[in-house]
Structures are given as C-alpha cells and as structure tokens.
Amino acid sequence: MYVYTTSAIPLPDRELIVAKLGAACPRTGHTVGMLSPYINIEIVNIFLSQFAREIPHDVHVVMVWDQAGFHTGNDLNIPENITIVPLPPYSPELNPMENLWHYLRSHYWSNRMFEDYDDLCDAAEMAWRDTCLDAATIQSVCNASYTRAH
C-alpha cells in the first residue's frame, strides 16, 4: 500500500508556492515525488503516470489519498496498476504521508526565509533527497498500524 498527499510551501508575501506531490510505501520505504509551481488535475495525472511507470510490471498498488478536488474530477486518469482508496473527508490524520510533510517542515523548512522561487525549490529537493531516499526514515515516519501487510 502506498500513501499519497500533496502539500505546498509558500513564499512569504508572494503568490508563489512549491506544490509537493508524493507517495510512499510505509512497508518498503520506497517513495516517488514531484514538485510543481501549482496543483490541479493535470499535475496529478502527470504524477500518477510517472508513478505508474516506476512500479514493477507484476505489482498492483493500492494508494490512499484524500478527496481534494484535484483527486476527484472527471478528468482524473488512474493508471490500471493503481487502485485508489479515498480517505473520509477532513481526516488528514489517517494519511501517514501527512507525517512525512510534518517531518520535512519541522526538520527542513520551518523558520527559514527563502530568497526566491529557485531557493525554495532547491530546499524542497534537498529535503526530499535527504529524507525520502532513506527507506528506514520513511518506514519510521510513515508507519501506521493499518499500512502493515499481514
């Protein structure tokens, strides 16, 4: 099972954000992520397409995510090797990926000023590489009793 969520890092006093899309397997620690200057169904479709290509051909993924508007529209294209399990409305605490965003904010992004958009993107990329490419960290941070295989 993979857990998925999006999050954004705003630049102070500016309209720019870095939208982060990510999925993680709490059991294996495998992650897939993407940065974007905005979030909509088109961006989610790009992420899902990228994610589906990274899954081994003999694997079918169950992905848990919330019911944000860009997760539920008619134009959403769910690849055949992914099944979506929507979380109940207003229940981010049920999504272990939210723990990852909290971890990244508290360890990398809190109490920092970013000079410009490129600086913000660099910080997001560095945090992802430092944290999300470490399977043990992902297994720990995204751990939840209902994500374990029996």
N, C-alpha and C. Protein backbone atom coordinates (compact mmCIF):
# COMPACT_ATOMS: atom_id res chain seq x y z
N MET A 1 0.84 -1.16 0.00
CA MET A 1 0.00 0.00 0.00
C MET A 1 0.90 1.24 0.00
N TYR A 2 0.53 2.20 -0.81
CA TYR A 2 1.21 3.49 -0.82
C TYR A 2 0.26 4.54 -0.25
N VAL A 3 0.82 5.52 0.38
CA VAL A 3 0.04 6.65 0.85
C VAL A 3 0.51 7.86 0.06
N TYR A 4 -0.41 8.76 -0.21
CA TYR A 4 -0.15 9.88 -1.10
C TYR A 4 -0.72 11.14 -0.49
N THR A 5 -0.08 12.24 -0.74
CA THR A 5 -0.65 13.52 -0.38
C THR A 5 0.07 14.62 -1.12
N THR A 6 -0.51 15.80 -1.05
CA THR A 6 0.13 16.98 -1.60
C THR A 6 0.29 17.99 -0.49
N SER A 7 1.21 18.88 -0.66
CA SER A 7 1.44 19.93 0.30
C SER A 7 2.08 21.08 -0.45
N ALA A 8 2.06 22.25 0.14
CA ALA A 8 2.67 23.41 -0.52
C ALA A 8 3.52 24.19 0.46
N ILE A 9 4.60 24.75 -0.05
CA ILE A 9 5.46 25.64 0.73
C ILE A 9 5.29 27.02 0.12
N PRO A 10 4.70 27.98 0.84
CA PRO A 10 4.54 29.32 0.27
C PRO A 10 5.79 30.18 0.47
N LEU A 11 5.99 31.08 -0.43
CA LEU A 11 7.00 32.12 -0.23
C LEU A 11 6.32 33.26 0.52
N PRO A 12 6.94 33.79 1.57
CA PRO A 12 6.32 34.89 2.32
C PRO A 12 6.02 36.09 1.42
N ASP A 13 4.84 36.66 1.60
CA ASP A 13 4.42 37.87 0.89
C ASP A 13 4.41 37.71 -0.62
N ARG A 14 4.28 36.49 -1.11
CA ARG A 14 4.25 36.29 -2.55
C ARG A 14 3.18 35.27 -2.89
N GLU A 15 2.81 35.24 -4.15
CA GLU A 15 1.78 34.32 -4.62
C GLU A 15 2.36 32.95 -4.99
N LEU A 16 3.66 32.83 -5.03
CA LEU A 16 4.30 31.60 -5.49
C LEU A 16 4.29 30.52 -4.42
N ILE A 17 4.09 29.30 -4.85
CA ILE A 17 4.22 28.14 -3.97
C ILE A 17 5.01 27.06 -4.69
N VAL A 18 5.50 26.12 -3.93
CA VAL A 18 6.02 24.88 -4.50
C VAL A 18 5.07 23.80 -4.01
N ALA A 19 4.33 23.23 -4.93
CA ALA A 19 3.44 22.12 -4.58
C ALA A 19 4.26 20.84 -4.60
N LYS A 20 4.11 20.07 -3.54
CA LYS A 20 4.83 18.80 -3.43
C LYS A 20 3.81 17.68 -3.55
N LEU A 21 4.04 16.77 -4.44
CA LEU A 21 3.22 15.58 -4.57
C LEU A 21 4.11 14.41 -4.21
N GLY A 22 3.60 13.50 -3.41
CA GLY A 22 4.44 12.39 -3.01
C GLY A 22 3.64 11.16 -2.64
N ALA A 23 4.26 10.03 -2.84
CA ALA A 23 3.70 8.75 -2.43
C ALA A 23 4.82 7.96 -1.78
N ALA A 24 4.45 7.21 -0.75
CA ALA A 24 5.44 6.40 -0.05
C ALA A 24 4.82 5.06 0.33
N CYS A 25 5.62 4.04 0.30
CA CYS A 25 5.21 2.74 0.80
C CYS A 25 5.80 2.60 2.21
N PRO A 26 4.96 2.67 3.23
CA PRO A 26 5.48 2.57 4.60
C PRO A 26 6.17 1.24 4.90
N ARG A 27 5.82 0.19 4.18
CA ARG A 27 6.42 -1.11 4.43
C ARG A 27 7.84 -1.19 3.87
N THR A 28 8.04 -0.72 2.62
CA THR A 28 9.36 -0.83 1.98
C THR A 28 10.19 0.43 2.10
N GLY A 29 9.54 1.58 2.30
CA GLY A 29 10.25 2.85 2.33
C GLY A 29 10.44 3.47 0.96
N HIS A 30 9.90 2.85 -0.10
CA HIS A 30 10.01 3.40 -1.45
C HIS A 30 9.18 4.67 -1.55
N THR A 31 9.70 5.69 -2.22
CA THR A 31 8.98 6.95 -2.41
C THR A 31 9.05 7.40 -3.87
N VAL A 32 8.06 8.16 -4.25
CA VAL A 32 8.03 8.84 -5.54
C VAL A 32 7.54 10.24 -5.26
N GLY A 33 8.21 11.26 -5.80
CA GLY A 33 7.80 12.63 -5.54
C GLY A 33 7.93 13.51 -6.76
N MET A 34 7.27 14.64 -6.68
CA MET A 34 7.28 15.60 -7.77
C MET A 34 7.04 17.00 -7.20
N LEU A 35 7.72 17.99 -7.75
CA LEU A 35 7.49 19.39 -7.41
C LEU A 35 6.80 20.07 -8.58
N SER A 36 5.93 21.02 -8.25
CA SER A 36 5.22 21.76 -9.29
C SER A 36 4.93 23.17 -8.78
N PRO A 37 4.86 24.15 -9.69
CA PRO A 37 4.53 25.52 -9.25
C PRO A 37 3.05 25.70 -8.95
N TYR A 38 2.24 24.68 -9.22
CA TYR A 38 0.80 24.73 -8.93
C TYR A 38 0.28 23.30 -8.87
N ILE A 39 -0.97 23.15 -8.44
CA ILE A 39 -1.56 21.81 -8.34
C ILE A 39 -2.96 21.85 -8.95
N ASN A 40 -3.22 20.89 -9.82
CA ASN A 40 -4.54 20.68 -10.40
C ASN A 40 -4.60 19.25 -10.92
N ILE A 41 -5.71 18.89 -11.55
CA ILE A 41 -5.86 17.51 -12.02
C ILE A 41 -4.79 17.15 -13.05
N GLU A 42 -4.44 18.07 -13.91
CA GLU A 42 -3.41 17.80 -14.92
C GLU A 42 -2.09 17.41 -14.25
N ILE A 43 -1.69 18.14 -13.22
CA ILE A 43 -0.45 17.83 -12.50
C ILE A 43 -0.57 16.48 -11.79
N VAL A 44 -1.71 16.21 -11.17
CA VAL A 44 -1.91 14.91 -10.51
C VAL A 44 -1.82 13.78 -11.54
N ASN A 45 -2.39 13.98 -12.73
CA ASN A 45 -2.29 12.96 -13.78
C ASN A 45 -0.84 12.72 -14.20
N ILE A 46 -0.05 13.78 -14.29
CA ILE A 46 1.37 13.63 -14.62
C ILE A 46 2.07 12.82 -13.53
N PHE A 47 1.77 13.16 -12.27
CA PHE A 47 2.37 12.42 -11.16
C PHE A 47 1.98 10.94 -11.22
N LEU A 48 0.69 10.66 -11.41
CA LEU A 48 0.24 9.26 -11.44
C LEU A 48 0.87 8.49 -12.59
N SER A 49 1.02 9.13 -13.73
CA SER A 49 1.66 8.49 -14.87
C SER A 49 3.12 8.17 -14.56
N GLN A 50 3.82 9.12 -13.98
CA GLN A 50 5.22 8.91 -13.57
C GLN A 50 5.29 7.76 -12.56
N PHE A 51 4.42 7.82 -11.56
CA PHE A 51 4.41 6.80 -10.51
C PHE A 51 4.14 5.41 -11.10
N ALA A 52 3.15 5.31 -11.98
CA ALA A 52 2.79 4.02 -12.58
C ALA A 52 3.96 3.42 -13.36
N ARG A 53 4.77 4.26 -14.00
CA ARG A 53 5.93 3.76 -14.75
C ARG A 53 7.02 3.23 -13.82
N GLU A 54 7.05 3.69 -12.58
CA GLU A 54 8.09 3.26 -11.64
C GLU A 54 7.72 1.98 -10.89
N ILE A 55 6.49 1.53 -11.04
CA ILE A 55 6.03 0.32 -10.35
C ILE A 55 6.42 -0.89 -11.20
N PRO A 56 7.00 -1.92 -10.58
CA PRO A 56 7.29 -3.14 -11.35
C PRO A 56 6.03 -3.68 -12.04
N HIS A 57 6.19 -4.28 -13.20
CA HIS A 57 5.05 -4.73 -14.01
C HIS A 57 4.15 -5.74 -13.29
N ASP A 58 4.70 -6.49 -12.35
CA ASP A 58 3.90 -7.51 -11.66
C ASP A 58 3.30 -7.00 -10.34
N VAL A 59 3.33 -5.69 -10.12
CA VAL A 59 2.83 -5.11 -8.87
C VAL A 59 1.60 -4.25 -9.15
N HIS A 60 0.60 -4.41 -8.31
CA HIS A 60 -0.58 -3.53 -8.33
C HIS A 60 -0.58 -2.76 -7.02
N VAL A 61 -0.68 -1.44 -7.10
CA VAL A 61 -0.57 -0.58 -5.93
C VAL A 61 -1.95 -0.13 -5.46
N VAL A 62 -2.14 -0.18 -4.16
CA VAL A 62 -3.29 0.45 -3.52
C VAL A 62 -2.77 1.77 -2.96
N MET A 63 -3.39 2.87 -3.40
CA MET A 63 -2.94 4.20 -2.97
C MET A 63 -4.05 4.86 -2.17
N VAL A 64 -3.70 5.33 -0.98
CA VAL A 64 -4.63 6.02 -0.10
C VAL A 64 -4.43 7.51 -0.28
N TRP A 65 -5.54 8.25 -0.50
CA TRP A 65 -5.42 9.71 -0.58
C TRP A 65 -6.71 10.38 -0.17
N ASP A 66 -6.61 11.70 0.02
CA ASP A 66 -7.77 12.46 0.47
C ASP A 66 -8.69 12.76 -0.72
N GLN A 67 -9.74 13.50 -0.47
CA GLN A 67 -10.73 13.78 -1.51
C GLN A 67 -10.67 15.24 -1.97
N ALA A 68 -9.47 15.78 -2.07
CA ALA A 68 -9.31 17.14 -2.61
C ALA A 68 -9.89 17.19 -4.02
N GLY A 69 -10.30 18.35 -4.45
CA GLY A 69 -10.93 18.50 -5.76
C GLY A 69 -10.10 17.96 -6.91
N PHE A 70 -8.79 18.11 -6.84
CA PHE A 70 -7.93 17.60 -7.91
C PHE A 70 -7.69 16.10 -7.80
N HIS A 71 -8.31 15.44 -6.82
CA HIS A 71 -8.25 13.98 -6.70
C HIS A 71 -9.56 13.32 -7.12
N THR A 72 -10.58 14.10 -7.44
CA THR A 72 -11.90 13.52 -7.66
C THR A 72 -12.55 13.93 -8.97
N GLY A 73 -11.93 14.74 -9.78
CA GLY A 73 -12.56 15.24 -11.00
C GLY A 73 -12.70 14.18 -12.09
N ASN A 74 -13.57 14.47 -13.03
CA ASN A 74 -13.82 13.55 -14.15
C ASN A 74 -12.61 13.38 -15.06
N ASP A 75 -11.71 14.35 -15.05
CA ASP A 75 -10.54 14.28 -15.91
C ASP A 75 -9.37 13.52 -15.28
N LEU A 76 -9.57 12.98 -14.10
CA LEU A 76 -8.52 12.22 -13.43
C LEU A 76 -8.30 10.89 -14.14
N ASN A 77 -7.05 10.58 -14.45
CA ASN A 77 -6.70 9.33 -15.14
C ASN A 77 -5.92 8.42 -14.20
N ILE A 78 -6.59 7.42 -13.67
CA ILE A 78 -5.94 6.48 -12.76
C ILE A 78 -5.36 5.33 -13.59
N PRO A 79 -4.06 5.14 -13.56
CA PRO A 79 -3.45 4.03 -14.31
C PRO A 79 -4.02 2.67 -13.85
N GLU A 80 -3.98 1.70 -14.75
CA GLU A 80 -4.55 0.38 -14.47
C GLU A 80 -3.86 -0.35 -13.33
N ASN A 81 -2.60 -0.04 -13.05
CA ASN A 81 -1.88 -0.74 -11.99
C ASN A 81 -1.98 -0.04 -10.63
N ILE A 82 -2.92 0.90 -10.52
CA ILE A 82 -3.15 1.62 -9.26
C ILE A 82 -4.63 1.59 -8.91
N THR A 83 -4.93 1.28 -7.66
CA THR A 83 -6.29 1.39 -7.14
C THR A 83 -6.27 2.46 -6.06
N ILE A 84 -7.21 3.38 -6.15
CA ILE A 84 -7.28 4.49 -5.19
C ILE A 84 -8.28 4.14 -4.09
N VAL A 85 -7.88 4.37 -2.86
CA VAL A 85 -8.77 4.25 -1.70
C VAL A 85 -8.88 5.64 -1.09
N PRO A 86 -10.04 6.30 -1.27
CA PRO A 86 -10.17 7.65 -0.72
C PRO A 86 -10.39 7.64 0.79
N LEU A 87 -9.75 8.57 1.45
CA LEU A 87 -9.96 8.74 2.89
C LEU A 87 -11.28 9.48 3.12
N PRO A 88 -11.86 9.33 4.30
CA PRO A 88 -13.06 10.12 4.62
C PRO A 88 -12.71 11.61 4.58
N PRO A 89 -13.70 12.46 4.28
CA PRO A 89 -13.42 13.90 4.27
C PRO A 89 -12.88 14.39 5.61
N TYR A 90 -12.00 15.37 5.55
CA TYR A 90 -11.46 16.06 6.72
C TYR A 90 -10.78 15.10 7.70
N SER A 91 -9.98 14.19 7.17
CA SER A 91 -9.31 13.23 8.05
C SER A 91 -7.83 13.08 7.70
N PRO A 92 -7.07 14.17 7.64
CA PRO A 92 -5.65 14.05 7.27
C PRO A 92 -4.86 13.19 8.25
N GLU A 93 -5.33 13.09 9.49
CA GLU A 93 -4.61 12.28 10.48
C GLU A 93 -4.57 10.80 10.10
N LEU A 94 -5.42 10.37 9.17
CA LEU A 94 -5.43 8.98 8.72
C LEU A 94 -4.42 8.71 7.61
N ASN A 95 -3.81 9.76 7.09
CA ASN A 95 -2.86 9.60 5.99
C ASN A 95 -1.44 9.70 6.52
N PRO A 96 -0.71 8.58 6.54
CA PRO A 96 0.67 8.61 7.05
C PRO A 96 1.60 9.55 6.30
N MET A 97 1.28 9.91 5.06
CA MET A 97 2.11 10.86 4.32
C MET A 97 2.09 12.23 4.99
N GLU A 98 1.02 12.56 5.68
CA GLU A 98 0.97 13.83 6.39
C GLU A 98 2.09 13.90 7.44
N ASN A 99 2.44 12.74 8.01
CA ASN A 99 3.56 12.69 8.95
C ASN A 99 4.87 13.07 8.25
N LEU A 100 5.00 12.65 7.00
CA LEU A 100 6.22 12.99 6.25
C LEU A 100 6.29 14.49 6.00
N TRP A 101 5.18 15.10 5.59
CA TRP A 101 5.21 16.55 5.35
C TRP A 101 5.54 17.29 6.65
N HIS A 102 4.96 16.83 7.76
CA HIS A 102 5.28 17.45 9.05
C HIS A 102 6.77 17.30 9.36
N TYR A 103 7.31 16.12 9.13
CA TYR A 103 8.74 15.87 9.37
C TYR A 103 9.59 16.82 8.52
N LEU A 104 9.26 16.94 7.24
CA LEU A 104 10.04 17.81 6.35
C LEU A 104 9.93 19.27 6.77
N ARG A 105 8.72 19.69 7.14
CA ARG A 105 8.57 21.08 7.60
C ARG A 105 9.41 21.31 8.86
N SER A 106 9.31 20.43 9.83
CA SER A 106 9.99 20.66 11.11
C SER A 106 11.51 20.51 11.00
N HIS A 107 12.00 19.66 10.11
CA HIS A 107 13.44 19.45 10.00
C HIS A 107 14.12 20.30 8.93
N TYR A 108 13.36 20.79 7.96
CA TYR A 108 14.00 21.48 6.84
C TYR A 108 13.42 22.85 6.52
N TRP A 109 12.14 23.06 6.68
CA TRP A 109 11.53 24.27 6.13
C TRP A 109 11.06 25.28 7.16
N SER A 110 10.90 24.89 8.41
CA SER A 110 10.41 25.84 9.42
C SER A 110 11.44 26.90 9.75
N ASN A 111 10.96 28.08 10.05
CA ASN A 111 11.82 29.19 10.49
C ASN A 111 12.93 29.52 9.50
N ARG A 112 12.60 29.44 8.23
CA ARG A 112 13.57 29.77 7.18
C ARG A 112 12.95 30.77 6.22
N MET A 113 13.76 31.63 5.72
CA MET A 113 13.33 32.54 4.65
C MET A 113 13.99 32.07 3.36
N PHE A 114 13.21 32.01 2.31
CA PHE A 114 13.73 31.62 1.01
C PHE A 114 13.82 32.88 0.16
N GLU A 115 14.98 33.09 -0.43
CA GLU A 115 15.23 34.31 -1.20
C GLU A 115 14.32 34.43 -2.42
N ASP A 116 14.13 33.31 -3.10
CA ASP A 116 13.33 33.35 -4.32
C ASP A 116 12.79 31.94 -4.59
N TYR A 117 12.08 31.83 -5.67
CA TYR A 117 11.44 30.55 -6.02
C TYR A 117 12.47 29.44 -6.21
N ASP A 118 13.57 29.74 -6.85
CA ASP A 118 14.61 28.72 -7.06
C ASP A 118 15.18 28.22 -5.73
N ASP A 119 15.38 29.13 -4.79
CA ASP A 119 15.87 28.76 -3.45
C ASP A 119 14.87 27.84 -2.76
N LEU A 120 13.60 28.15 -2.89
CA LEU A 120 12.54 27.32 -2.31
C LEU A 120 12.53 25.93 -2.94
N CYS A 121 12.63 25.87 -4.25
CA CYS A 121 12.67 24.57 -4.94
C CYS A 121 13.90 23.77 -4.54
N ASP A 122 15.04 24.44 -4.43
CA ASP A 122 16.26 23.75 -4.00
C ASP A 122 16.10 23.16 -2.61
N ALA A 123 15.48 23.91 -1.69
CA ALA A 123 15.26 23.42 -0.32
C ALA A 123 14.32 22.23 -0.32
N ALA A 124 13.27 22.28 -1.14
CA ALA A 124 12.33 21.16 -1.21
C ALA A 124 13.01 19.92 -1.77
N GLU A 125 13.81 20.10 -2.81
CA GLU A 125 14.52 18.97 -3.41
C GLU A 125 15.55 18.37 -2.46
N MET A 126 16.31 19.23 -1.76
CA MET A 126 17.31 18.74 -0.82
C MET A 126 16.64 17.95 0.31
N ALA A 127 15.54 18.46 0.84
CA ALA A 127 14.83 17.77 1.92
C ALA A 127 14.33 16.41 1.44
N TRP A 128 13.80 16.38 0.22
CA TRP A 128 13.30 15.10 -0.32
C TRP A 128 14.46 14.11 -0.46
N ARG A 129 15.56 14.54 -1.03
CA ARG A 129 16.69 13.63 -1.21
C ARG A 129 17.24 13.13 0.13
N ASP A 130 17.41 14.05 1.08
CA ASP A 130 17.97 13.68 2.38
C ASP A 130 17.07 12.71 3.14
N THR A 131 15.77 12.89 3.02
CA THR A 131 14.82 12.13 3.82
C THR A 131 14.20 10.97 3.05
N CYS A 132 13.69 11.26 1.89
CA CYS A 132 12.84 10.28 1.19
C CYS A 132 13.60 9.22 0.43
N LEU A 133 14.88 9.41 0.28
CA LEU A 133 15.70 8.35 -0.34
C LEU A 133 16.29 7.43 0.72
N ASP A 134 15.93 7.65 1.97
CA ASP A 134 16.35 6.80 3.09
C ASP A 134 15.15 5.95 3.51
N ALA A 135 15.13 4.71 3.07
CA ALA A 135 13.99 3.83 3.31
C ALA A 135 13.67 3.68 4.80
N ALA A 136 14.68 3.61 5.63
CA ALA A 136 14.44 3.45 7.07
C ALA A 136 13.71 4.65 7.65
N THR A 137 14.05 5.84 7.20
CA THR A 137 13.36 7.04 7.67
C THR A 137 11.89 7.02 7.25
N ILE A 138 11.64 6.67 6.01
CA ILE A 138 10.25 6.61 5.52
C ILE A 138 9.47 5.54 6.27
N GLN A 139 10.08 4.38 6.49
CA GLN A 139 9.39 3.32 7.23
C GLN A 139 9.03 3.78 8.64
N SER A 140 9.86 4.58 9.23
CA SER A 140 9.60 5.08 10.58
C SER A 140 8.56 6.20 10.58
N VAL A 141 8.78 7.20 9.75
CA VAL A 141 7.92 8.39 9.74
C VAL A 141 6.51 8.07 9.24
N CYS A 142 6.39 7.21 8.25
CA CYS A 142 5.08 6.90 7.65
C CYS A 142 4.44 5.64 8.23
N ASN A 143 4.98 5.15 9.31
CA ASN A 143 4.46 3.93 9.93
C ASN A 143 3.06 4.17 10.51
N ALA A 144 2.16 3.25 10.23
CA ALA A 144 0.82 3.23 10.82
C ALA A 144 0.36 1.78 10.88
N SER A 145 -0.39 1.44 11.88
CA SER A 145 -0.78 0.04 12.07
C SER A 145 -1.52 -0.52 10.86
N TYR A 146 -2.30 0.27 10.17
CA TYR A 146 -3.10 -0.23 9.06
C TYR A 146 -2.34 -0.27 7.74
N THR A 147 -1.08 0.13 7.72
CA THR A 147 -0.30 0.06 6.49
C THR A 147 0.60 -1.18 6.45
N ARG A 148 0.60 -1.95 7.50
CA ARG A 148 1.45 -3.14 7.55
C ARG A 148 0.77 -4.33 6.90
N ALA A 149 1.53 -5.06 6.08
CA ALA A 149 1.00 -6.28 5.47
C ALA A 149 0.93 -7.38 6.52
N HIS A 150 -0.10 -8.16 6.45
CA HIS A 150 -0.26 -9.27 7.41
C HIS A 150 0.05 -10.59 6.75
